[in-house]
Amino acid sequence: MRAQWQRFSDGLWFVPSLIVIVMGALAFALVQLDNDFVGHETPWVFGGDANAARTVLSTIAGSLITVAGLTFSVTMVVLQLASSQFSPRVLPNFLGDRITQTTVGAFVGIFVFCLIGLRAVGGRDDFVPRLTVTLASGLGVGAVILLIVFIHHVSTMIQVSHIARRIGERTVSTLDSLHPEPFGAETDEDSDALLEEWREREEPAVVRPSRPGYVQRVDVDSIAAAVCDDARQVLVAVTPGDFVSAGTALVEIWPAGAAEGKEGRLRQAITITGERSFDQDASFGVRQLGDIALRAISPGINDPTTAVTCIGYIRSVIELLSGRRLPAQVRRYRDGDLVVIARRVDYQEYLDTLIEIGRYAQGDARIVRQLLRSCAGIAAAARRAGADERATAAEEVAETIAEQALDEARSDRDRQLIGDLLQRVRAPGARERG
């Protein structure tokens, strides 16, 4: 249910539709209330006649539908700019923006509210929906305020600093949800050795997806519960963020007969949609930041400052991850009789984003310096958490980036700066300074 709500609420239609429905229901309720209880002598409601009520309602309705069209146009322009300037993968961040959704829904909803009020007046001169007209006037004033807020918000949300910060915050929130425990000694079993042993023994039953798409959620406990009576070993071969085709293995089960009749339940435990989501996929945020940085350093845009900003947020995410415990790949159920191996996004896969950026920024010493400083900070954070292997991995990434950059450096000064930063990453005393 949570995943379904997230998918609906992140679209541009669901929340505005709810607002329109609520406004329409409110209009019907107020018209009925006007008909039953509100009289002409009520001092704080609209005091005009039926013609005046029609004029007020038609004016507000005509104005709001025009402004709604303007709002849709501005939103589409923002989406086009974001897609071309930054990355198509950032569009869900705009579509799911609550202020944009509320603005679109409010303008269309007030229009519907006024139409229902006009319907109540009709050609009658003996009935004036006073409470409805009063509230419509208040909603019209509120719509003007909301328009000002929306214009300010749009001018802010297209700034790269705002986009990168929002992606970084959502990624950190996902990490807090998925990996809340601090780093501890790794006690995970050797999953590769277990898999090799299982496959040498017999061929597994393989469950494949019914349609291609991105894996959005994986419920390992539900998979274990579906096969716990018959299976002995299970491999969950995909993780949130993976793209799967019709031939991709989702789940492998030993013995093969344990999967009979359970394929439907197993597929239901793995949610596949047309796009990636932050729900269980913290690496999606790092991917978005990496895509923006790569687009920024392309010859067509050439905006190193944007790349530096995104690298800074990637650093903050990986530094946080450096001090967190990743879930075990090998899990045991039914008092150890059922062994489940669930694939996860490894720490190295987050670091690989920095290598990818460095590969395309070899000739820009400023971006290379930011990448090396980020590696130094990540290594220091890992050392403080006691994760020496992760610190070593960050140092190796820094060496890879520096080696590529030294080959493309355009001056002796750039080579000296890159070499100094690389030594800073390697030096034990400098590691702690990050």
Protein backbone atom coordinates (compact mmCIF):
# COMPACT_ATOMS: atom_id res chain seq x y z
CA MET A 1 0.00 0.00 0.00
CA ARG A 2 2.83 2.37 0.81
CA ALA A 3 4.48 1.72 -2.55
CA GLN A 4 1.21 2.25 -4.41
CA TRP A 5 0.54 5.51 -2.57
CA GLN A 6 4.07 6.71 -3.32
CA ARG A 7 3.66 5.91 -7.01
CA PHE A 8 0.32 7.72 -7.24
CA SER A 9 1.26 10.73 -5.13
CA ASP A 10 4.48 11.35 -7.08
CA GLY A 11 2.50 11.89 -10.29
CA LEU A 12 1.08 15.19 -11.43
CA TRP A 13 -2.51 13.95 -11.64
CA PHE A 14 -3.38 12.19 -8.39
CA VAL A 15 -3.15 14.96 -5.77
CA PRO A 16 -4.72 17.61 -8.07
CA SER A 17 -7.57 15.18 -8.84
CA LEU A 18 -8.19 14.68 -5.12
CA ILE A 19 -8.30 18.45 -4.62
CA VAL A 20 -10.78 18.87 -7.48
CA ILE A 21 -13.02 16.14 -6.06
CA VAL A 22 -12.93 17.71 -2.59
CA MET A 23 -13.73 21.16 -3.99
CA GLY A 24 -16.63 19.78 -6.02
CA ALA A 25 -18.05 17.95 -3.00
CA LEU A 26 -17.64 21.08 -0.89
CA ALA A 27 -19.54 23.14 -3.46
CA PHE A 28 -22.49 20.71 -3.49
CA ALA A 29 -22.54 20.68 0.33
CA LEU A 30 -22.49 24.49 0.57
CA VAL A 31 -25.24 24.89 -2.02
CA GLN A 32 -27.41 22.53 0.02
CA LEU A 33 -26.52 24.44 3.18
CA ASP A 34 -27.44 27.69 1.45
CA ASN A 35 -30.77 26.20 0.44
CA ASP A 36 -31.59 25.01 3.96
CA PHE A 37 -30.06 27.36 6.50
CA VAL A 38 -28.51 30.56 5.21
CA GLY A 39 -30.81 33.54 4.98
CA HIS A 40 -30.50 37.04 3.54
CA GLU A 41 -30.11 38.60 6.96
CA THR A 42 -26.87 36.79 7.73
CA PRO A 43 -24.38 39.68 8.13
CA TRP A 44 -21.08 38.05 7.14
CA VAL A 45 -22.03 36.44 3.81
CA PHE A 46 -22.55 37.75 0.30
CA GLY A 47 -25.46 40.19 0.22
CA GLY A 48 -26.09 40.69 -3.49
CA ASP A 49 -28.87 39.36 -5.67
CA ALA A 50 -28.81 36.43 -8.10
CA ASN A 51 -27.34 38.49 -10.97
CA ALA A 52 -24.52 39.70 -8.75
CA ALA A 53 -23.85 36.12 -7.62
CA ARG A 54 -23.64 34.94 -11.22
CA THR A 55 -21.26 37.77 -12.08
CA VAL A 56 -18.93 37.02 -9.15
CA LEU A 57 -18.86 33.28 -9.77
CA SER A 58 -18.37 33.59 -13.54
CA THR A 59 -15.56 36.15 -13.06
CA ILE A 60 -13.70 33.91 -10.61
CA ALA A 61 -14.23 30.82 -12.77
CA GLY A 62 -13.02 32.53 -15.96
CA SER A 63 -9.97 33.99 -14.23
CA LEU A 64 -8.97 30.75 -12.52
CA ILE A 65 -9.17 28.56 -15.62
CA THR A 66 -6.93 31.08 -17.43
CA VAL A 67 -4.42 31.02 -14.59
CA ALA A 68 -4.62 27.22 -14.50
CA GLY A 69 -3.62 27.13 -18.16
CA LEU A 70 -0.70 29.44 -17.38
CA THR A 71 0.33 27.17 -14.49
CA PHE A 72 0.30 24.10 -16.75
CA SER A 73 2.40 25.96 -19.33
CA VAL A 74 4.98 27.05 -16.74
CA THR A 75 5.14 23.51 -15.34
CA MET A 76 5.75 22.02 -18.78
CA VAL A 77 8.50 24.56 -19.50
CA VAL A 78 10.19 23.70 -16.19
CA LEU A 79 10.02 19.99 -16.98
CA GLN A 80 11.51 20.55 -20.43
CA LEU A 81 14.34 22.69 -19.02
CA ALA A 82 15.07 20.17 -16.27
CA SER A 83 15.15 17.29 -18.73
CA SER A 84 17.47 19.00 -21.21
CA GLN A 85 19.69 20.91 -18.78
CA PHE A 86 20.08 18.37 -15.99
CA SER A 87 18.78 14.83 -16.60
CA PRO A 88 15.49 13.14 -17.53
CA ARG A 89 15.79 11.14 -14.32
CA VAL A 90 15.15 14.25 -12.19
CA LEU A 91 11.65 14.74 -13.63
CA PRO A 92 9.92 12.70 -10.88
CA ASN A 93 11.26 15.23 -8.37
CA PHE A 94 9.31 17.97 -10.17
CA LEU A 95 6.19 15.91 -10.82
CA GLY A 96 6.03 14.94 -7.15
CA ASP A 97 6.51 18.50 -5.88
CA ARG A 98 3.67 19.23 -3.48
CA ILE A 99 3.47 22.97 -4.14
CA THR A 100 3.13 22.39 -7.88
CA GLN A 101 0.52 19.68 -7.33
CA THR A 102 -1.42 21.85 -4.87
CA THR A 103 -1.34 24.89 -7.18
CA VAL A 104 -2.62 22.98 -10.20
CA GLY A 105 -5.29 21.24 -8.13
CA ALA A 106 -6.39 24.43 -6.38
CA PHE A 107 -6.88 26.45 -9.56
CA VAL A 108 -8.85 23.72 -11.33
CA GLY A 109 -10.72 22.89 -8.10
CA ILE A 110 -11.83 26.51 -7.55
CA PHE A 111 -12.98 26.62 -11.18
CA VAL A 112 -15.11 23.52 -10.60
CA PHE A 113 -16.39 25.01 -7.33
CA CYS A 114 -17.59 28.14 -9.13
CA LEU A 115 -19.20 26.12 -11.95
CA ILE A 116 -21.25 24.15 -9.45
CA GLY A 117 -22.27 27.41 -7.78
CA LEU A 118 -23.35 28.84 -11.15
CA ARG A 119 -25.36 25.71 -11.82
CA ALA A 120 -27.21 26.25 -8.55
CA VAL A 121 -28.13 29.82 -9.49
CA GLY A 122 -29.07 28.89 -13.07
CA GLY A 123 -31.79 31.11 -14.45
CA ARG A 124 -33.45 31.55 -11.06
CA ASP A 125 -33.76 34.93 -9.41
CA ASP A 126 -35.34 33.66 -6.18
CA PHE A 127 -32.27 31.78 -4.89
CA VAL A 128 -28.81 33.15 -4.09
CA PRO A 129 -26.13 30.72 -2.82
CA ARG A 130 -24.71 33.30 -0.45
CA LEU A 131 -22.36 31.06 1.48
CA THR A 132 -21.06 29.53 -1.75
CA VAL A 133 -20.34 32.94 -3.28
CA THR A 134 -18.67 34.13 -0.08
CA LEU A 135 -16.36 31.14 0.05
CA ALA A 136 -15.66 31.42 -3.71
CA SER A 137 -14.53 35.01 -3.15
CA GLY A 138 -12.21 33.90 -0.38
CA LEU A 139 -10.86 31.08 -2.52
CA GLY A 140 -10.22 33.55 -5.33
CA VAL A 141 -8.11 35.71 -3.04
CA GLY A 142 -6.28 32.61 -1.82
CA ALA A 143 -5.60 31.60 -5.42
CA VAL A 144 -3.87 34.94 -6.06
CA ILE A 145 -1.62 34.35 -3.05
CA LEU A 146 -0.96 30.80 -4.19
CA LEU A 147 0.01 32.07 -7.66
CA ILE A 148 2.66 34.33 -6.12
CA VAL A 149 3.98 31.45 -4.03
CA PHE A 150 4.05 29.19 -7.09
CA ILE A 151 6.02 31.68 -9.21
CA HIS A 152 8.58 32.11 -6.43
CA HIS A 153 8.77 28.35 -5.94
CA VAL A 154 9.30 27.65 -9.64
CA SER A 155 12.08 30.23 -9.85
CA THR A 156 13.77 28.43 -6.93
CA MET A 157 13.20 24.83 -7.92
CA ILE A 158 14.94 25.14 -11.32
CA GLN A 159 18.19 26.21 -9.64
CA VAL A 160 20.74 23.42 -9.61
CA SER A 161 21.57 24.04 -5.95
CA HIS A 162 17.93 23.41 -5.03
CA ILE A 163 17.69 20.31 -7.24
CA ALA A 164 20.90 18.78 -5.90
CA ARG A 165 19.96 19.56 -2.31
CA ARG A 166 16.53 17.99 -2.68
CA ILE A 167 17.95 14.84 -4.29
CA GLY A 168 20.56 14.65 -1.55
CA GLU A 169 17.95 15.02 1.19
CA ARG A 170 15.72 12.32 -0.32
CA THR A 171 18.71 10.00 -0.66
CA VAL A 172 19.74 10.57 2.96
CA SER A 173 16.16 9.94 4.07
CA THR A 174 16.14 6.65 2.15
CA LEU A 175 19.47 5.65 3.70
CA ASP A 176 18.12 6.42 7.17
CA SER A 177 15.17 4.15 6.46
CA LEU A 178 17.08 1.29 4.83
CA HIS A 179 20.31 1.35 6.87
CA PRO A 180 19.62 2.88 10.29
CA GLU A 181 22.16 0.81 12.22
CA PRO A 182 25.75 2.06 12.69
CA PHE A 183 28.60 0.17 11.08
CA GLY A 184 29.73 -2.97 12.85
CA ALA A 185 32.00 -5.89 12.16
CA GLU A 186 30.98 -7.66 8.96
CA THR A 187 29.65 -11.11 9.84
CA ASP A 188 28.04 -11.95 6.50
CA GLU A 189 28.66 -15.42 5.13
CA ASP A 190 30.41 -15.97 1.81
CA SER A 191 27.45 -15.84 -0.56
CA ASP A 192 29.55 -16.66 -3.64
CA ALA A 193 30.79 -19.90 -2.09
CA LEU A 194 27.27 -20.90 -1.06
CA LEU A 195 25.92 -20.23 -4.55
CA GLU A 196 28.67 -22.25 -6.17
CA GLU A 197 27.93 -25.15 -3.84
CA TRP A 198 24.18 -25.01 -4.52
CA ARG A 199 24.58 -24.88 -8.29
CA GLU A 200 27.04 -27.75 -8.36
CA ARG A 201 24.56 -29.89 -6.49
CA GLU A 202 21.52 -29.38 -8.78
CA GLU A 203 19.81 -26.96 -11.14
CA PRO A 204 17.36 -24.55 -9.47
CA ALA A 205 13.86 -23.54 -10.45
CA VAL A 206 13.94 -20.04 -11.92
CA VAL A 207 11.14 -17.49 -11.57
CA ARG A 208 11.20 -14.78 -14.24
CA PRO A 209 9.23 -11.50 -14.48
CA SER A 210 6.00 -11.25 -16.39
CA ARG A 211 7.04 -7.90 -17.89
CA PRO A 212 10.23 -5.83 -18.26
CA GLY A 213 10.94 -2.79 -16.12
CA TYR A 214 12.80 -1.51 -13.08
CA VAL A 215 12.70 -3.33 -9.77
CA GLN A 216 11.20 -0.91 -7.27
CA ARG A 217 10.70 -3.05 -4.16
CA VAL A 218 11.86 -6.48 -3.00
CA ASP A 219 10.14 -8.11 -0.02
CA VAL A 220 12.61 -10.82 1.00
CA ASP A 221 10.51 -11.94 3.98
CA SER A 222 7.49 -12.53 1.75
CA ILE A 223 9.61 -14.58 -0.64
CA ALA A 224 10.85 -16.70 2.25
CA ALA A 225 7.31 -17.13 3.58
CA ALA A 226 6.05 -18.24 0.14
CA VAL A 227 8.51 -21.15 -0.12
CA CYS A 228 9.37 -21.88 3.51
CA ASP A 229 7.49 -25.20 3.59
CA ASP A 230 9.38 -26.83 0.71
CA ALA A 231 12.55 -24.91 -0.23
CA ARG A 232 15.99 -25.24 1.34
CA GLN A 233 17.90 -22.51 -0.52
CA VAL A 234 16.72 -19.36 -2.31
CA LEU A 235 18.58 -16.73 -4.31
CA VAL A 236 16.92 -13.33 -4.77
CA ALA A 237 18.91 -12.31 -7.83
CA VAL A 238 17.69 -8.70 -8.18
CA THR A 239 17.73 -5.61 -6.01
CA PRO A 240 15.79 -2.30 -6.23
CA GLY A 241 17.16 -0.27 -9.12
CA ASP A 242 17.91 -3.22 -11.42
CA PHE A 243 16.36 -3.35 -14.87
CA VAL A 244 14.88 -6.74 -15.68
CA SER A 245 13.73 -8.23 -18.97
CA ALA A 246 11.46 -11.19 -19.58
CA GLY A 247 14.48 -13.49 -19.47
CA THR A 248 16.00 -12.16 -16.25
CA ALA A 249 16.05 -14.47 -13.24
CA LEU A 250 14.21 -12.89 -10.31
CA VAL A 251 14.39 -15.80 -7.89
CA GLU A 252 16.21 -19.15 -7.99
CA ILE A 253 14.96 -21.94 -5.71
CA TRP A 254 16.46 -25.25 -4.55
CA PRO A 255 15.11 -27.89 -4.88
CA ALA A 256 13.39 -27.10 -8.15
CA GLY A 257 10.09 -28.68 -7.13
CA ALA A 258 9.65 -26.20 -4.26
CA ALA A 259 8.64 -23.47 -6.72
CA GLU A 260 5.66 -25.27 -8.21
CA GLY A 261 2.47 -23.26 -7.84
CA LYS A 262 4.23 -20.39 -6.07
CA GLU A 263 5.40 -18.31 -9.04
CA GLY A 264 2.56 -15.79 -8.65
CA ARG A 265 3.29 -15.09 -4.98
CA LEU A 266 6.99 -14.76 -5.70
CA ARG A 267 6.40 -12.24 -8.48
CA GLN A 268 4.08 -10.24 -6.23
CA ALA A 269 6.88 -9.90 -3.68
CA ILE A 270 8.99 -8.06 -6.26
CA THR A 271 7.44 -4.81 -7.54
CA ILE A 272 8.41 -3.95 -11.11
CA THR A 273 7.47 -0.59 -12.64
CA GLY A 274 8.51 1.56 -15.56
CA GLU A 275 10.90 3.78 -13.59
CA ARG A 276 13.17 3.78 -10.57
CA SER A 277 12.03 5.08 -7.20
CA PHE A 278 13.57 6.23 -3.92
CA ASP A 279 11.40 3.78 -2.00
CA GLN A 280 14.10 1.10 -1.47
CA ASP A 281 16.72 2.45 -3.85
CA ALA A 282 19.16 4.92 -2.26
CA SER A 283 21.55 4.48 -5.19
CA PHE A 284 18.94 6.16 -7.41
CA GLY A 285 19.72 9.51 -5.80
CA VAL A 286 23.46 9.04 -6.36
CA ARG A 287 22.68 8.09 -9.97
CA GLN A 288 20.69 11.30 -10.47
CA LEU A 289 23.45 13.46 -9.00
CA GLY A 290 26.01 11.67 -11.13
CA ASP A 291 23.93 12.20 -14.28
CA ILE A 292 23.60 15.92 -13.57
CA ALA A 293 27.36 16.20 -13.02
CA LEU A 294 28.11 14.33 -16.25
CA ARG A 295 25.69 16.48 -18.20
CA ALA A 296 27.27 19.62 -16.69
CA ILE A 297 30.79 18.71 -17.83
CA SER A 298 29.72 17.78 -21.35
CA PRO A 299 31.05 20.09 -24.12
CA GLY A 300 27.53 21.26 -24.94
CA ILE A 301 26.94 22.70 -21.44
CA ASN A 302 30.41 23.08 -19.88
CA ASP A 303 29.28 24.02 -16.35
CA PRO A 304 31.91 22.73 -13.89
CA THR A 305 30.33 24.56 -10.95
CA THR A 306 27.21 22.40 -11.27
CA ALA A 307 29.38 19.29 -11.37
CA VAL A 308 31.25 20.39 -8.24
CA THR A 309 27.95 20.95 -6.42
CA CYS A 310 26.67 17.49 -7.31
CA ILE A 311 29.96 15.86 -6.32
CA GLY A 312 29.65 17.54 -2.93
CA TYR A 313 26.21 16.00 -2.34
CA ILE A 314 27.44 12.59 -3.55
CA ARG A 315 30.24 12.88 -1.01
CA SER A 316 27.79 13.67 1.79
CA VAL A 317 25.68 10.61 0.90
CA ILE A 318 28.62 8.20 0.74
CA GLU A 319 30.14 9.61 3.93
CA LEU A 320 26.86 8.83 5.69
CA LEU A 321 26.76 5.37 4.15
CA SER A 322 30.35 4.74 5.26
CA GLY A 323 29.20 4.64 8.87
CA ARG A 324 26.14 2.46 8.32
CA ARG A 325 25.71 -1.30 8.38
CA LEU A 326 24.51 -2.82 5.11
CA PRO A 327 21.95 -5.65 5.31
CA ALA A 328 23.32 -9.18 5.30
CA GLN A 329 23.17 -10.93 1.96
CA VAL A 330 22.78 -14.35 3.57
CA ARG A 331 19.68 -14.71 5.76
CA ARG A 332 18.40 -17.79 7.55
CA TYR A 333 14.76 -18.66 8.22
CA ARG A 334 12.96 -21.57 9.86
CA ASP A 335 15.71 -22.03 12.46
CA GLY A 336 18.37 -22.12 9.75
CA ASP A 337 16.74 -24.74 7.54
CA LEU A 338 15.95 -22.17 4.84
CA VAL A 339 18.87 -20.07 3.56
CA VAL A 340 18.12 -16.99 1.45
CA ILE A 341 20.74 -14.98 -0.42
CA ALA A 342 19.42 -11.52 -1.29
CA ARG A 343 21.48 -9.37 -3.62
CA ARG A 344 22.14 -5.80 -2.45
CA VAL A 345 23.85 -2.67 -3.77
CA ASP A 346 27.42 -2.86 -2.50
CA TYR A 347 29.42 0.03 -1.11
CA GLN A 348 31.73 -0.08 -4.12
CA GLU A 349 28.81 0.57 -6.48
CA TYR A 350 28.26 3.96 -4.82
CA LEU A 351 31.96 4.81 -5.20
CA ASP A 352 31.90 3.85 -8.87
CA THR A 353 29.87 6.99 -9.59
CA LEU A 354 32.90 9.10 -8.66
CA ILE A 355 35.08 7.05 -11.02
CA GLU A 356 32.57 7.59 -13.82
CA ILE A 357 32.59 11.36 -13.30
CA GLY A 358 36.38 11.36 -13.12
CA ARG A 359 36.62 9.49 -16.41
CA TYR A 360 34.88 12.34 -18.24
CA ALA A 361 36.49 15.18 -16.25
CA GLN A 362 40.14 14.23 -16.72
CA GLY A 363 41.02 17.54 -18.33
CA ASP A 364 39.29 19.72 -15.72
CA ALA A 365 41.57 20.09 -12.73
CA ARG A 366 38.89 21.80 -10.65
CA ILE A 367 36.50 18.86 -10.86
CA VAL A 368 39.32 16.36 -10.32
CA ARG A 369 40.36 18.24 -7.17
CA GLN A 370 36.79 18.09 -5.89
CA LEU A 371 36.64 14.35 -6.59
CA LEU A 372 39.91 13.72 -4.73
CA ARG A 373 38.79 15.84 -1.78
CA SER A 374 35.56 13.85 -1.70
CA CYS A 375 37.49 10.57 -1.66
CA ALA A 376 39.61 11.89 1.20
CA GLY A 377 36.52 12.87 3.17
CA ILE A 378 34.84 9.52 2.49
CA ALA A 379 37.95 7.61 3.55
CA ALA A 380 38.16 9.66 6.75
CA ALA A 381 34.48 9.00 7.54
CA ALA A 382 35.01 5.28 7.00
CA ARG A 383 38.06 5.28 9.26
CA ARG A 384 36.16 7.02 12.02
CA ALA A 385 33.45 4.35 11.77
CA GLY A 386 36.03 1.57 11.92
CA ALA A 387 35.32 0.48 8.33
CA ASP A 388 38.91 0.13 7.15
CA GLU A 389 37.98 -1.86 4.04
CA ARG A 390 35.65 0.91 2.91
CA ALA A 391 38.37 3.50 3.54
CA THR A 392 40.76 1.46 1.42
CA ALA A 393 38.16 1.27 -1.34
CA ALA A 394 37.80 5.08 -1.31
CA GLU A 395 41.59 5.45 -1.51
CA GLU A 396 41.71 3.11 -4.50
CA VAL A 397 39.03 5.18 -6.22
CA ALA A 398 41.11 8.31 -5.61
CA GLU A 399 44.17 6.65 -7.12
CA THR A 400 42.19 5.60 -10.19
CA ILE A 401 40.85 9.14 -10.70
CA ALA A 402 44.28 10.70 -10.14
CA GLU A 403 46.04 8.36 -12.57
CA GLN A 404 43.54 9.19 -15.30
CA ALA A 405 43.74 12.92 -14.57
CA LEU A 406 47.56 13.06 -14.50
CA ASP A 407 47.66 11.70 -18.04
CA GLU A 408 45.37 14.50 -19.23
CA ALA A 409 46.66 17.36 -17.04
CA ARG A 410 47.36 20.50 -19.09
CA SER A 411 50.01 22.12 -16.90
CA ASP A 412 52.66 21.30 -14.35
CA ARG A 413 50.65 23.19 -11.72
CA ASP A 414 47.62 20.93 -12.28
CA ARG A 415 49.83 17.86 -11.98
CA GLN A 416 51.30 19.18 -8.75
CA LEU A 417 47.86 19.90 -7.25
CA ILE A 418 46.54 16.47 -8.23
CA GLY A 419 49.62 14.76 -6.83
CA ASP A 420 49.38 16.68 -3.55
CA LEU A 421 45.71 15.77 -3.13
CA LEU A 422 46.43 12.12 -3.85
CA GLN A 423 49.11 12.13 -1.16
CA ARG A 424 46.60 13.70 1.18
CA VAL A 425 44.24 10.80 0.61
CA ARG A 426 47.03 8.28 1.19
CA ALA A 427 48.57 9.95 4.25
CA PRO A 428 47.20 8.53 7.52
CA GLY A 429 47.36 11.88 9.29
CA ALA A 430 45.52 13.64 6.51
CA ARG A 431 42.83 11.04 6.32
CA GLU A 432 41.34 12.19 9.57
CA ARG A 433 41.21 15.77 8.35
CA GLY A 434 39.10 14.73 5.29
